């Protein structure tokens, strides 16, 4: 592992259901962002654009919550079972970044 890396793992194998859910969420978010770009290109009214930005922000927050929950239930629990307690420090770091 690269010693400059901040996190413990390089990859995470996901179950098919989790993978599809995350990809679907990201695809919807991507579509929303493209819609915002079109609104700007068409000189849409600022409050209308901001409403859509708020929706994207909420969708990204929801994505983060789902991903964080999955991470805790799998990676963190597995690491704790293997006595890799540094996973807790990593989790704290991630949560601090999410709460900015």
N, C-alpha and C. Protein backbone atom coordinates (compact mmCIF):
# COMPACT_ATOMS: atom_id res chain seq x y z
N UNK A 1 0.85 -1.18 0.00
CA UNK A 1 0.00 0.00 0.00
C UNK A 1 0.90 1.24 0.00
N UNK A 2 0.50 2.26 -0.71
CA UNK A 2 1.22 3.52 -0.76
C UNK A 2 1.23 4.13 0.63
N UNK A 3 2.42 4.43 1.16
CA UNK A 3 2.49 4.94 2.53
C UNK A 3 1.94 6.36 2.66
N UNK A 4 1.72 7.07 1.57
CA UNK A 4 1.11 8.39 1.62
C UNK A 4 -0.41 8.32 1.62
N UNK A 5 -0.95 7.14 1.45
CA UNK A 5 -2.41 7.00 1.44
C UNK A 5 -2.96 7.27 2.82
N UNK A 6 -4.11 7.89 2.84
CA UNK A 6 -4.73 8.26 4.11
C UNK A 6 -5.59 7.13 4.67
N UNK A 7 -6.09 6.26 3.81
CA UNK A 7 -7.04 5.25 4.25
C UNK A 7 -6.42 3.86 4.22
N UNK A 8 -7.06 2.94 4.95
CA UNK A 8 -6.50 1.61 5.16
C UNK A 8 -6.60 0.69 3.95
N UNK A 9 -7.63 0.83 3.16
CA UNK A 9 -7.90 -0.11 2.06
C UNK A 9 -7.81 0.60 0.72
N UNK A 10 -7.40 -0.15 -0.30
CA UNK A 10 -7.34 0.41 -1.65
C UNK A 10 -8.64 0.19 -2.41
N UNK A 11 -9.32 -0.91 -2.12
CA UNK A 11 -10.55 -1.24 -2.85
C UNK A 11 -11.59 -1.78 -1.89
N UNK A 12 -12.82 -1.86 -2.39
CA UNK A 12 -13.93 -2.43 -1.61
C UNK A 12 -14.79 -3.21 -2.58
N UNK A 13 -14.90 -4.50 -2.37
CA UNK A 13 -15.80 -5.31 -3.18
C UNK A 13 -17.19 -5.16 -2.62
N UNK A 14 -18.13 -4.78 -3.49
CA UNK A 14 -19.50 -4.55 -3.06
C UNK A 14 -20.41 -5.66 -3.58
N UNK A 15 -21.44 -5.93 -2.80
CA UNK A 15 -22.46 -6.85 -3.28
C UNK A 15 -23.19 -6.19 -4.44
N UNK A 16 -23.75 -6.99 -5.31
CA UNK A 16 -24.42 -6.49 -6.52
C UNK A 16 -25.51 -5.48 -6.20
N UNK A 17 -26.31 -5.77 -5.17
CA UNK A 17 -27.41 -4.87 -4.81
C UNK A 17 -26.88 -3.50 -4.38
N UNK A 18 -25.86 -3.49 -3.53
CA UNK A 18 -25.27 -2.23 -3.08
C UNK A 18 -24.67 -1.47 -4.26
N UNK A 19 -23.95 -2.18 -5.11
CA UNK A 19 -23.34 -1.56 -6.29
C UNK A 19 -24.39 -0.89 -7.17
N UNK A 20 -25.45 -1.64 -7.49
CA UNK A 20 -26.50 -1.09 -8.36
C UNK A 20 -27.18 0.12 -7.72
N UNK A 21 -27.44 0.07 -6.42
CA UNK A 21 -28.07 1.18 -5.73
C UNK A 21 -27.19 2.43 -5.80
N UNK A 22 -25.91 2.27 -5.53
CA UNK A 22 -25.00 3.42 -5.56
C UNK A 22 -24.89 4.01 -6.96
N UNK A 23 -24.75 3.14 -7.95
CA UNK A 23 -24.64 3.60 -9.34
C UNK A 23 -25.92 4.30 -9.78
N UNK A 24 -27.08 3.76 -9.41
CA UNK A 24 -28.34 4.40 -9.77
C UNK A 24 -28.46 5.79 -9.14
N UNK A 25 -28.07 5.89 -7.88
CA UNK A 25 -28.11 7.20 -7.21
C UNK A 25 -27.19 8.19 -7.92
N UNK A 26 -25.98 7.75 -8.24
CA UNK A 26 -25.03 8.64 -8.92
C UNK A 26 -25.52 9.03 -10.31
N UNK A 27 -26.15 8.11 -11.00
CA UNK A 27 -26.69 8.42 -12.34
C UNK A 27 -27.77 9.49 -12.25
N UNK A 28 -28.64 9.37 -11.24
CA UNK A 28 -29.68 10.39 -11.05
C UNK A 28 -29.05 11.75 -10.73
N UNK A 29 -28.05 11.74 -9.87
CA UNK A 29 -27.36 12.98 -9.51
C UNK A 29 -26.69 13.58 -10.74
N UNK A 30 -26.07 12.74 -11.52
CA UNK A 30 -25.42 13.20 -12.75
C UNK A 30 -26.44 13.86 -13.68
N UNK A 31 -27.61 13.26 -13.80
CA UNK A 31 -28.66 13.84 -14.61
C UNK A 31 -29.12 15.19 -14.08
N UNK A 32 -29.22 15.28 -12.75
CA UNK A 32 -29.62 16.55 -12.13
C UNK A 32 -28.58 17.64 -12.41
N UNK A 33 -27.31 17.29 -12.31
CA UNK A 33 -26.25 18.27 -12.56
C UNK A 33 -26.26 18.71 -14.02
N UNK A 34 -26.48 17.78 -14.93
CA UNK A 34 -26.59 18.15 -16.35
C UNK A 34 -27.77 19.08 -16.58
N UNK A 35 -28.87 18.83 -15.85
CA UNK A 35 -30.04 19.70 -15.95
C UNK A 35 -29.72 21.10 -15.47
N UNK A 36 -28.95 21.21 -14.40
CA UNK A 36 -28.55 22.53 -13.90
C UNK A 36 -27.69 23.24 -14.93
N UNK A 37 -26.78 22.52 -15.55
CA UNK A 37 -25.93 23.12 -16.57
C UNK A 37 -26.78 23.68 -17.71
N UNK A 38 -27.77 22.92 -18.14
CA UNK A 38 -28.66 23.39 -19.21
C UNK A 38 -29.44 24.62 -18.77
N UNK A 39 -29.86 24.64 -17.51
CA UNK A 39 -30.59 25.80 -17.00
C UNK A 39 -29.71 27.06 -17.07
N UNK A 40 -28.45 26.92 -16.69
CA UNK A 40 -27.53 28.05 -16.75
C UNK A 40 -27.33 28.48 -18.20
N UNK A 41 -27.14 27.49 -19.08
CA UNK A 41 -26.94 27.80 -20.50
C UNK A 41 -28.15 28.52 -21.10
N UNK A 42 -29.33 28.24 -20.58
CA UNK A 42 -30.56 28.85 -21.10
C UNK A 42 -30.99 30.08 -20.28
N UNK A 43 -30.08 30.57 -19.45
CA UNK A 43 -30.34 31.76 -18.65
C UNK A 43 -31.59 31.64 -17.78
N UNK A 44 -31.71 30.49 -17.12
CA UNK A 44 -32.86 30.29 -16.22
C UNK A 44 -32.77 31.24 -15.03
N UNK A 45 -33.89 31.47 -14.42
CA UNK A 45 -34.00 32.35 -13.26
C UNK A 45 -33.22 31.76 -12.09
N UNK A 46 -32.41 32.60 -11.44
CA UNK A 46 -31.50 32.13 -10.37
C UNK A 46 -32.19 31.28 -9.30
N UNK A 47 -33.33 31.71 -8.75
CA UNK A 47 -33.96 30.87 -7.73
C UNK A 47 -34.35 29.48 -8.24
N UNK A 48 -34.69 29.37 -9.51
CA UNK A 48 -35.00 28.05 -10.07
C UNK A 48 -33.75 27.17 -10.10
N UNK A 49 -32.63 27.76 -10.48
CA UNK A 49 -31.37 27.01 -10.50
C UNK A 49 -30.98 26.61 -9.08
N UNK A 50 -31.09 27.55 -8.16
CA UNK A 50 -30.73 27.27 -6.76
C UNK A 50 -31.59 26.17 -6.16
N UNK A 51 -32.84 26.11 -6.56
CA UNK A 51 -33.73 25.04 -6.09
C UNK A 51 -33.19 23.68 -6.55
N UNK A 52 -32.73 23.64 -7.80
CA UNK A 52 -32.17 22.39 -8.33
C UNK A 52 -30.83 22.06 -7.67
N UNK A 53 -30.03 23.07 -7.39
CA UNK A 53 -28.76 22.85 -6.69
C UNK A 53 -29.03 22.26 -5.31
N UNK A 54 -30.05 22.77 -4.65
CA UNK A 54 -30.44 22.25 -3.34
C UNK A 54 -30.83 20.77 -3.44
N UNK A 55 -31.54 20.42 -4.50
CA UNK A 55 -31.94 19.03 -4.70
C UNK A 55 -30.72 18.13 -4.91
N UNK A 56 -29.74 18.61 -5.66
CA UNK A 56 -28.51 17.84 -5.89
C UNK A 56 -27.74 17.68 -4.58
N UNK A 57 -27.66 18.75 -3.82
CA UNK A 57 -26.97 18.68 -2.53
C UNK A 57 -27.62 17.65 -1.62
N UNK A 58 -28.95 17.65 -1.59
CA UNK A 58 -29.67 16.67 -0.77
C UNK A 58 -29.42 15.25 -1.28
N UNK A 59 -29.39 15.08 -2.59
CA UNK A 59 -29.14 13.76 -3.16
C UNK A 59 -27.73 13.28 -2.84
N UNK A 60 -26.75 14.17 -2.91
CA UNK A 60 -25.38 13.80 -2.56
C UNK A 60 -25.27 13.46 -1.07
N UNK A 61 -25.95 14.22 -0.23
CA UNK A 61 -25.95 13.91 1.20
C UNK A 61 -26.57 12.54 1.46
N UNK A 62 -27.64 12.24 0.76
CA UNK A 62 -28.29 10.94 0.90
C UNK A 62 -27.35 9.82 0.44
N UNK A 63 -26.68 10.04 -0.68
CA UNK A 63 -25.71 9.07 -1.20
C UNK A 63 -24.62 8.83 -0.14
N UNK A 64 -24.11 9.91 0.43
CA UNK A 64 -23.06 9.80 1.44
C UNK A 64 -23.52 9.01 2.66
N UNK A 65 -24.75 9.25 3.09
CA UNK A 65 -25.29 8.52 4.25
C UNK A 65 -25.39 7.03 3.97
N UNK A 66 -25.87 6.69 2.78
CA UNK A 66 -25.99 5.27 2.41
C UNK A 66 -24.60 4.63 2.35
N UNK A 67 -23.66 5.30 1.68
CA UNK A 67 -22.32 4.76 1.55
C UNK A 67 -21.64 4.63 2.91
N UNK A 68 -21.79 5.63 3.75
CA UNK A 68 -21.20 5.59 5.09
C UNK A 68 -21.81 4.45 5.91
N UNK A 69 -23.11 4.30 5.84
CA UNK A 69 -23.77 3.20 6.56
C UNK A 69 -23.26 1.85 6.10
N UNK A 70 -23.14 1.68 4.79
CA UNK A 70 -22.61 0.42 4.25
C UNK A 70 -21.17 0.20 4.70
N UNK A 71 -20.39 1.27 4.71
CA UNK A 71 -18.99 1.17 5.13
C UNK A 71 -18.88 0.71 6.59
N UNK A 72 -19.69 1.31 7.44
CA UNK A 72 -19.65 0.94 8.86
C UNK A 72 -20.07 -0.51 9.05
N UNK A 73 -21.16 -0.91 8.38
CA UNK A 73 -21.70 -2.27 8.55
C UNK A 73 -20.78 -3.34 7.99
N UNK A 74 -19.92 -3.00 7.05
CA UNK A 74 -19.06 -4.01 6.44
C UNK A 74 -17.60 -3.79 6.82
N UNK A 75 -16.97 -2.80 6.24
CA UNK A 75 -15.53 -2.60 6.42
C UNK A 75 -15.14 -2.38 7.87
N UNK A 76 -15.82 -1.46 8.55
CA UNK A 76 -15.44 -1.13 9.92
C UNK A 76 -15.68 -2.32 10.84
N UNK A 77 -16.83 -2.96 10.72
CA UNK A 77 -17.13 -4.12 11.56
C UNK A 77 -16.11 -5.23 11.30
N UNK A 78 -15.81 -5.50 10.03
CA UNK A 78 -14.83 -6.55 9.71
C UNK A 78 -13.46 -6.22 10.29
N UNK A 79 -13.05 -4.95 10.15
CA UNK A 79 -11.74 -4.56 10.69
C UNK A 79 -11.69 -4.70 12.21
N UNK A 80 -12.75 -4.31 12.88
CA UNK A 80 -12.78 -4.43 14.35
C UNK A 80 -12.70 -5.91 14.75
N UNK A 81 -13.42 -6.77 14.02
CA UNK A 81 -13.34 -8.21 14.31
C UNK A 81 -11.93 -8.75 14.13
N UNK A 82 -11.17 -8.13 13.18
CA UNK A 82 -9.79 -8.55 12.93
C UNK A 82 -8.80 -7.75 13.77
N UNK A 83 -9.32 -7.01 14.76
CA UNK A 83 -8.51 -6.22 15.68
C UNK A 83 -7.72 -5.11 14.97
N UNK A 84 -8.26 -4.61 13.87
CA UNK A 84 -7.66 -3.48 13.16
C UNK A 84 -8.38 -2.21 13.63
N UNK A 85 -8.05 -1.78 14.81
CA UNK A 85 -8.76 -0.68 15.44
C UNK A 85 -8.46 0.68 14.81
N UNK A 86 -7.42 0.76 13.98
CA UNK A 86 -7.15 2.01 13.27
C UNK A 86 -8.28 2.37 12.31
N UNK A 87 -9.11 1.39 12.02
CA UNK A 87 -10.30 1.63 11.19
C UNK A 87 -11.23 2.64 11.86
N UNK A 88 -11.24 2.66 13.17
CA UNK A 88 -12.07 3.63 13.91
C UNK A 88 -11.55 5.05 13.68
N UNK A 89 -10.23 5.22 13.73
CA UNK A 89 -9.64 6.53 13.46
C UNK A 89 -9.96 6.98 12.04
N UNK A 90 -9.89 6.05 11.12
CA UNK A 90 -10.22 6.35 9.72
C UNK A 90 -11.68 6.80 9.60
N UNK A 91 -12.57 6.12 10.30
CA UNK A 91 -13.98 6.48 10.29
C UNK A 91 -14.20 7.88 10.86
N UNK A 92 -13.53 8.19 11.94
CA UNK A 92 -13.63 9.53 12.53
C UNK A 92 -13.17 10.59 11.52
N UNK A 93 -12.08 10.33 10.84
CA UNK A 93 -11.56 11.27 9.83
C UNK A 93 -12.58 11.47 8.71
N UNK A 94 -13.19 10.39 8.25
CA UNK A 94 -14.19 10.47 7.19
C UNK A 94 -15.39 11.30 7.66
N UNK A 95 -15.84 11.02 8.86
CA UNK A 95 -17.02 11.73 9.38
C UNK A 95 -16.71 13.21 9.57
N UNK A 96 -15.51 13.55 9.99
CA UNK A 96 -15.14 14.96 10.13
C UNK A 96 -15.18 15.66 8.78
N UNK A 97 -14.73 14.98 7.74
CA UNK A 97 -14.77 15.57 6.39
C UNK A 97 -16.20 15.75 5.91
N UNK A 98 -17.05 14.79 6.23
CA UNK A 98 -18.45 14.88 5.80
C UNK A 98 -19.21 15.99 6.52
N UNK A 99 -18.76 16.35 7.71
CA UNK A 99 -19.48 17.32 8.52
C UNK A 99 -18.99 18.76 8.31
N UNK A 100 -18.11 18.95 7.37
CA UNK A 100 -17.62 20.32 7.09
C UNK A 100 -18.71 21.17 6.53
